[in-house]
Amino acid sequence: MRIFSPSALASRKRGDAAVLLERAARMIGSLRDASRGRFGAANAKLSALDPTAVLARGYAIATRRATGRAIRTLAEAVPGEGLDIRVTDGVFGAFVAGAAKRDP
């Protein structure tokens, strides 16, 4: 039967604890990096789906002043109707003077 000294046992346990602590730190870092990657991907998808993101590319969204509904087609533009035009940095008003179909 071997007799171990308490100091040798404590030293081995400290070594074991240090190894476990290092392993836990690596796992936490790996999980953190994976979470950051997933967050970045989700943020990019969300930004791509943002309807106002097109405004930053030079487009505008026209809505009826009375109802707030978007004008999607030429047929929906009624002469004399008030519109709100949203651009990247704000909104301005306009009135429909007439409509002209775009050449293909």
N, C-alpha and C. Protein backbone atom coordinates (compact mmCIF):
# COMPACT_ATOMS: atom_id res chain seq x y z
N MET A 1 0.84 -1.18 0.00
CA MET A 1 0.00 0.00 0.00
C MET A 1 0.88 1.24 0.00
N ARG A 2 0.55 2.18 -0.91
CA ARG A 2 1.33 3.42 -1.00
C ARG A 2 0.69 4.48 -0.18
N ILE A 3 1.49 5.24 0.43
CA ILE A 3 1.02 6.37 1.22
C ILE A 3 1.41 7.64 0.49
N PHE A 4 0.42 8.47 0.23
CA PHE A 4 0.67 9.73 -0.47
C PHE A 4 0.67 10.87 0.52
N SER A 5 1.55 11.78 0.28
CA SER A 5 1.59 12.94 1.16
C SER A 5 0.47 13.89 0.77
N PRO A 6 -0.12 14.58 1.72
CA PRO A 6 -1.18 15.54 1.42
C PRO A 6 -0.72 16.63 0.46
N SER A 7 0.51 17.06 0.56
CA SER A 7 0.98 18.12 -0.33
C SER A 7 1.09 17.62 -1.77
N ALA A 8 1.49 16.37 -1.98
CA ALA A 8 1.58 15.81 -3.33
C ALA A 8 0.18 15.66 -3.92
N LEU A 9 -0.77 15.20 -3.11
CA LEU A 9 -2.15 15.06 -3.56
C LEU A 9 -2.73 16.43 -3.93
N ALA A 10 -2.50 17.43 -3.09
CA ALA A 10 -2.99 18.79 -3.37
C ALA A 10 -2.36 19.33 -4.64
N SER A 11 -1.11 19.06 -4.86
CA SER A 11 -0.41 19.53 -6.06
C SER A 11 -1.02 18.90 -7.31
N ARG A 12 -1.30 17.58 -7.27
CA ARG A 12 -1.92 16.92 -8.41
C ARG A 12 -3.32 17.48 -8.67
N LYS A 13 -4.07 17.72 -7.65
CA LYS A 13 -5.43 18.25 -7.81
C LYS A 13 -5.40 19.67 -8.38
N ARG A 14 -4.42 20.48 -7.96
CA ARG A 14 -4.26 21.82 -8.54
C ARG A 14 -3.95 21.72 -10.02
N GLY A 15 -3.10 20.77 -10.40
CA GLY A 15 -2.78 20.55 -11.80
C GLY A 15 -4.00 20.12 -12.60
N ASP A 16 -4.78 19.21 -12.03
CA ASP A 16 -6.02 18.76 -12.68
C ASP A 16 -6.99 19.93 -12.86
N ALA A 17 -7.12 20.75 -11.83
CA ALA A 17 -8.03 21.90 -11.89
C ALA A 17 -7.56 22.89 -12.96
N ALA A 18 -6.26 23.10 -13.07
CA ALA A 18 -5.72 24.03 -14.07
C ALA A 18 -6.03 23.52 -15.49
N VAL A 19 -5.90 22.21 -15.70
CA VAL A 19 -6.20 21.63 -17.01
C VAL A 19 -7.68 21.81 -17.33
N LEU A 20 -8.54 21.53 -16.36
CA LEU A 20 -9.98 21.69 -16.57
C LEU A 20 -10.36 23.15 -16.82
N LEU A 21 -9.73 24.05 -16.10
CA LEU A 21 -10.00 25.48 -16.27
C LEU A 21 -9.60 25.94 -17.67
N GLU A 22 -8.45 25.49 -18.15
CA GLU A 22 -8.00 25.84 -19.49
C GLU A 22 -8.95 25.27 -20.55
N ARG A 23 -9.38 24.04 -20.37
CA ARG A 23 -10.32 23.42 -21.32
C ARG A 23 -11.65 24.19 -21.34
N ALA A 24 -12.14 24.58 -20.17
CA ALA A 24 -13.39 25.34 -20.09
C ALA A 24 -13.24 26.70 -20.77
N ALA A 25 -12.10 27.35 -20.58
CA ALA A 25 -11.87 28.66 -21.21
C ALA A 25 -11.85 28.52 -22.74
N ARG A 26 -11.23 27.46 -23.27
CA ARG A 26 -11.23 27.25 -24.73
C ARG A 26 -12.64 26.99 -25.24
N MET A 27 -13.42 26.20 -24.51
CA MET A 27 -14.79 25.90 -24.94
C MET A 27 -15.66 27.16 -24.93
N ILE A 28 -15.50 27.98 -23.91
CA ILE A 28 -16.27 29.24 -23.83
C ILE A 28 -15.88 30.16 -24.98
N GLY A 29 -14.60 30.26 -25.27
CA GLY A 29 -14.15 31.08 -26.40
C GLY A 29 -14.70 30.57 -27.72
N SER A 30 -14.72 29.27 -27.88
CA SER A 30 -15.25 28.68 -29.11
C SER A 30 -16.74 28.95 -29.25
N LEU A 31 -17.49 28.79 -28.16
CA LEU A 31 -18.93 29.08 -28.17
C LEU A 31 -19.19 30.55 -28.45
N ARG A 32 -18.38 31.43 -27.86
CA ARG A 32 -18.53 32.87 -28.08
C ARG A 32 -18.32 33.22 -29.55
N ASP A 33 -17.26 32.66 -30.14
CA ASP A 33 -16.97 32.94 -31.55
C ASP A 33 -18.09 32.42 -32.46
N ALA A 34 -18.61 31.24 -32.16
CA ALA A 34 -19.71 30.68 -32.96
C ALA A 34 -20.96 31.55 -32.82
N SER A 35 -21.23 32.03 -31.61
CA SER A 35 -22.40 32.89 -31.39
C SER A 35 -22.25 34.21 -32.14
N ARG A 36 -21.07 34.77 -32.15
CA ARG A 36 -20.83 36.01 -32.89
C ARG A 36 -21.07 35.81 -34.38
N GLY A 37 -20.62 34.68 -34.89
CA GLY A 37 -20.82 34.38 -36.30
C GLY A 37 -22.30 34.24 -36.65
N ARG A 38 -23.05 33.53 -35.80
CA ARG A 38 -24.49 33.37 -36.04
C ARG A 38 -25.20 34.71 -35.92
N PHE A 39 -24.80 35.52 -34.95
CA PHE A 39 -25.41 36.84 -34.79
C PHE A 39 -25.15 37.71 -36.02
N GLY A 40 -23.93 37.69 -36.52
CA GLY A 40 -23.59 38.48 -37.70
C GLY A 40 -24.40 38.05 -38.91
N ALA A 41 -24.55 36.74 -39.10
CA ALA A 41 -25.33 36.23 -40.23
C ALA A 41 -26.80 36.62 -40.09
N ALA A 42 -27.35 36.49 -38.90
CA ALA A 42 -28.75 36.85 -38.67
C ALA A 42 -28.96 38.35 -38.88
N ASN A 43 -28.00 39.15 -38.44
CA ASN A 43 -28.10 40.60 -38.61
C ASN A 43 -28.06 40.98 -40.09
N ALA A 44 -27.22 40.31 -40.85
CA ALA A 44 -27.14 40.57 -42.30
C ALA A 44 -28.46 40.21 -42.99
N LYS A 45 -29.05 39.08 -42.61
CA LYS A 45 -30.34 38.68 -43.20
C LYS A 45 -31.43 39.68 -42.84
N LEU A 46 -31.43 40.11 -41.59
CA LEU A 46 -32.43 41.07 -41.16
C LEU A 46 -32.28 42.39 -41.89
N SER A 47 -31.06 42.84 -42.08
CA SER A 47 -30.82 44.08 -42.82
C SER A 47 -31.26 43.95 -44.27
N ALA A 48 -31.04 42.80 -44.86
CA ALA A 48 -31.44 42.59 -46.26
C ALA A 48 -32.96 42.61 -46.41
N LEU A 49 -33.67 42.22 -45.36
CA LEU A 49 -35.13 42.20 -45.42
C LEU A 49 -35.77 43.53 -45.02
N ASP A 50 -34.99 44.48 -44.55
CA ASP A 50 -35.50 45.78 -44.12
C ASP A 50 -36.03 46.55 -45.32
N PRO A 51 -37.33 46.84 -45.35
CA PRO A 51 -37.88 47.54 -46.52
C PRO A 51 -37.30 48.94 -46.71
N THR A 52 -36.80 49.55 -45.67
CA THR A 52 -36.22 50.89 -45.83
C THR A 52 -34.76 50.84 -46.28
N ALA A 53 -34.17 49.66 -46.35
CA ALA A 53 -32.78 49.55 -46.80
C ALA A 53 -32.64 49.99 -48.25
N VAL A 54 -33.70 49.83 -49.05
CA VAL A 54 -33.64 50.25 -50.45
C VAL A 54 -33.51 51.76 -50.56
N LEU A 55 -33.95 52.49 -49.55
CA LEU A 55 -33.87 53.95 -49.60
C LEU A 55 -32.42 54.42 -49.64
N ALA A 56 -31.56 53.72 -48.95
CA ALA A 56 -30.14 54.08 -48.93
C ALA A 56 -29.50 53.87 -50.29
N ARG A 57 -30.14 53.07 -51.15
CA ARG A 57 -29.60 52.83 -52.49
C ARG A 57 -30.19 53.80 -53.51
N GLY A 58 -30.98 54.79 -53.07
CA GLY A 58 -31.47 55.82 -53.97
C GLY A 58 -32.93 55.68 -54.38
N TYR A 59 -33.63 54.74 -53.81
CA TYR A 59 -35.03 54.57 -54.14
C TYR A 59 -35.90 55.36 -53.16
N ALA A 60 -37.19 55.44 -53.45
CA ALA A 60 -38.14 56.14 -52.58
C ALA A 60 -39.39 55.27 -52.44
N ILE A 61 -40.11 55.49 -51.35
CA ILE A 61 -41.38 54.79 -51.12
C ILE A 61 -42.47 55.85 -51.07
N ALA A 62 -43.43 55.73 -51.99
CA ALA A 62 -44.55 56.67 -52.04
C ALA A 62 -45.75 56.06 -51.33
N THR A 63 -46.35 56.83 -50.41
CA THR A 63 -47.54 56.36 -49.71
C THR A 63 -48.64 57.40 -49.82
N ARG A 64 -49.88 56.93 -49.79
CA ARG A 64 -51.02 57.85 -49.80
C ARG A 64 -51.04 58.60 -48.49
N ARG A 65 -51.16 59.90 -48.59
CA ARG A 65 -51.18 60.72 -47.40
C ARG A 65 -52.40 60.38 -46.53
N ALA A 66 -53.54 60.10 -47.15
CA ALA A 66 -54.78 59.84 -46.41
C ALA A 66 -54.76 58.51 -45.67
N THR A 67 -54.16 57.49 -46.26
CA THR A 67 -54.24 56.15 -45.66
C THR A 67 -52.89 55.58 -45.22
N GLY A 68 -51.81 56.11 -45.77
CA GLY A 68 -50.49 55.57 -45.44
C GLY A 68 -50.14 54.32 -46.22
N ARG A 69 -51.02 53.90 -47.12
CA ARG A 69 -50.75 52.70 -47.93
C ARG A 69 -49.79 53.03 -49.07
N ALA A 70 -48.91 52.09 -49.36
CA ALA A 70 -47.91 52.29 -50.41
C ALA A 70 -48.55 52.26 -51.80
N ILE A 71 -48.01 53.11 -52.68
CA ILE A 71 -48.39 53.11 -54.09
C ILE A 71 -47.48 52.11 -54.78
N ARG A 72 -48.07 51.04 -55.31
CA ARG A 72 -47.26 49.98 -55.90
C ARG A 72 -47.32 49.97 -57.43
N THR A 73 -48.40 50.47 -58.00
CA THR A 73 -48.54 50.45 -59.45
C THR A 73 -48.99 51.82 -59.95
N LEU A 74 -48.81 52.05 -61.22
CA LEU A 74 -49.21 53.30 -61.85
C LEU A 74 -50.72 53.52 -61.70
N ALA A 75 -51.49 52.45 -61.79
CA ALA A 75 -52.94 52.55 -61.69
C ALA A 75 -53.39 53.05 -60.31
N GLU A 76 -52.57 52.87 -59.30
CA GLU A 76 -52.92 53.32 -57.96
C GLU A 76 -52.67 54.82 -57.76
N ALA A 77 -51.97 55.47 -58.67
CA ALA A 77 -51.66 56.90 -58.56
C ALA A 77 -52.83 57.70 -59.14
N VAL A 78 -53.61 58.32 -58.26
CA VAL A 78 -54.80 59.07 -58.66
C VAL A 78 -54.43 60.55 -58.80
N PRO A 79 -54.67 61.17 -59.98
CA PRO A 79 -54.34 62.58 -60.15
C PRO A 79 -54.99 63.44 -59.06
N GLY A 80 -54.20 64.37 -58.52
CA GLY A 80 -54.66 65.26 -57.46
C GLY A 80 -54.47 64.71 -56.06
N GLU A 81 -54.15 63.43 -55.95
CA GLU A 81 -53.99 62.80 -54.64
C GLU A 81 -52.69 63.24 -53.97
N GLY A 82 -52.73 63.48 -52.67
CA GLY A 82 -51.54 63.83 -51.90
C GLY A 82 -50.75 62.59 -51.52
N LEU A 83 -49.45 62.67 -51.69
CA LEU A 83 -48.56 61.55 -51.36
C LEU A 83 -47.48 62.01 -50.38
N ASP A 84 -46.98 61.07 -49.62
CA ASP A 84 -45.78 61.28 -48.82
C ASP A 84 -44.70 60.41 -49.46
N ILE A 85 -43.57 61.03 -49.76
CA ILE A 85 -42.46 60.33 -50.40
C ILE A 85 -41.34 60.18 -49.37
N ARG A 86 -41.05 58.94 -49.02
CA ARG A 86 -39.99 58.66 -48.04
C ARG A 86 -38.70 58.35 -48.79
N VAL A 87 -37.65 59.10 -48.42
CA VAL A 87 -36.31 58.86 -48.95
C VAL A 87 -35.42 58.53 -47.76
N THR A 88 -34.15 58.32 -48.02
CA THR A 88 -33.27 57.82 -46.96
C THR A 88 -33.17 58.71 -45.73
N ASP A 89 -33.31 60.04 -45.90
CA ASP A 89 -33.13 60.92 -44.75
C ASP A 89 -34.40 61.67 -44.32
N GLY A 90 -35.56 61.25 -44.82
CA GLY A 90 -36.78 61.91 -44.38
C GLY A 90 -37.95 61.70 -45.34
N VAL A 91 -38.95 62.56 -45.18
CA VAL A 91 -40.19 62.45 -45.97
C VAL A 91 -40.54 63.82 -46.51
N PHE A 92 -41.03 63.88 -47.76
CA PHE A 92 -41.55 65.12 -48.31
C PHE A 92 -42.88 64.83 -48.98
N GLY A 93 -43.68 65.87 -49.14
CA GLY A 93 -45.00 65.72 -49.73
C GLY A 93 -44.98 65.97 -51.23
N ALA A 94 -45.97 65.41 -51.90
CA ALA A 94 -46.13 65.58 -53.35
C ALA A 94 -47.59 65.35 -53.71
N PHE A 95 -47.96 65.84 -54.88
CA PHE A 95 -49.30 65.60 -55.42
C PHE A 95 -49.15 64.94 -56.78
N VAL A 96 -50.02 64.01 -57.10
CA VAL A 96 -50.00 63.33 -58.39
C VAL A 96 -50.57 64.29 -59.43
N ALA A 97 -49.76 64.67 -60.41
CA ALA A 97 -50.20 65.57 -61.47
C ALA A 97 -50.78 64.78 -62.64
N GLY A 98 -50.31 63.60 -62.82
CA GLY A 98 -50.74 62.74 -63.90
C GLY A 98 -49.87 61.51 -63.88
N ALA A 99 -50.11 60.63 -64.80
CA ALA A 99 -49.34 59.39 -64.84
C ALA A 99 -48.96 59.11 -66.27
N ALA A 100 -47.76 58.61 -66.46
CA ALA A 100 -47.28 58.22 -67.79
C ALA A 100 -46.66 56.86 -67.69
N LYS A 101 -47.09 55.98 -68.55
CA LYS A 101 -46.56 54.61 -68.52
C LYS A 101 -45.13 54.61 -69.07
N ARG A 102 -44.25 53.92 -68.40
CA ARG A 102 -42.85 53.84 -68.78
C ARG A 102 -42.67 52.95 -69.99
N ASP A 103 -41.80 53.34 -70.91
CA ASP A 103 -41.48 52.50 -72.07
C ASP A 103 -40.73 51.26 -71.61
N PRO A 104 -41.03 50.08 -72.21
CA PRO A 104 -40.33 48.85 -71.79
C PRO A 104 -38.89 48.81 -72.16
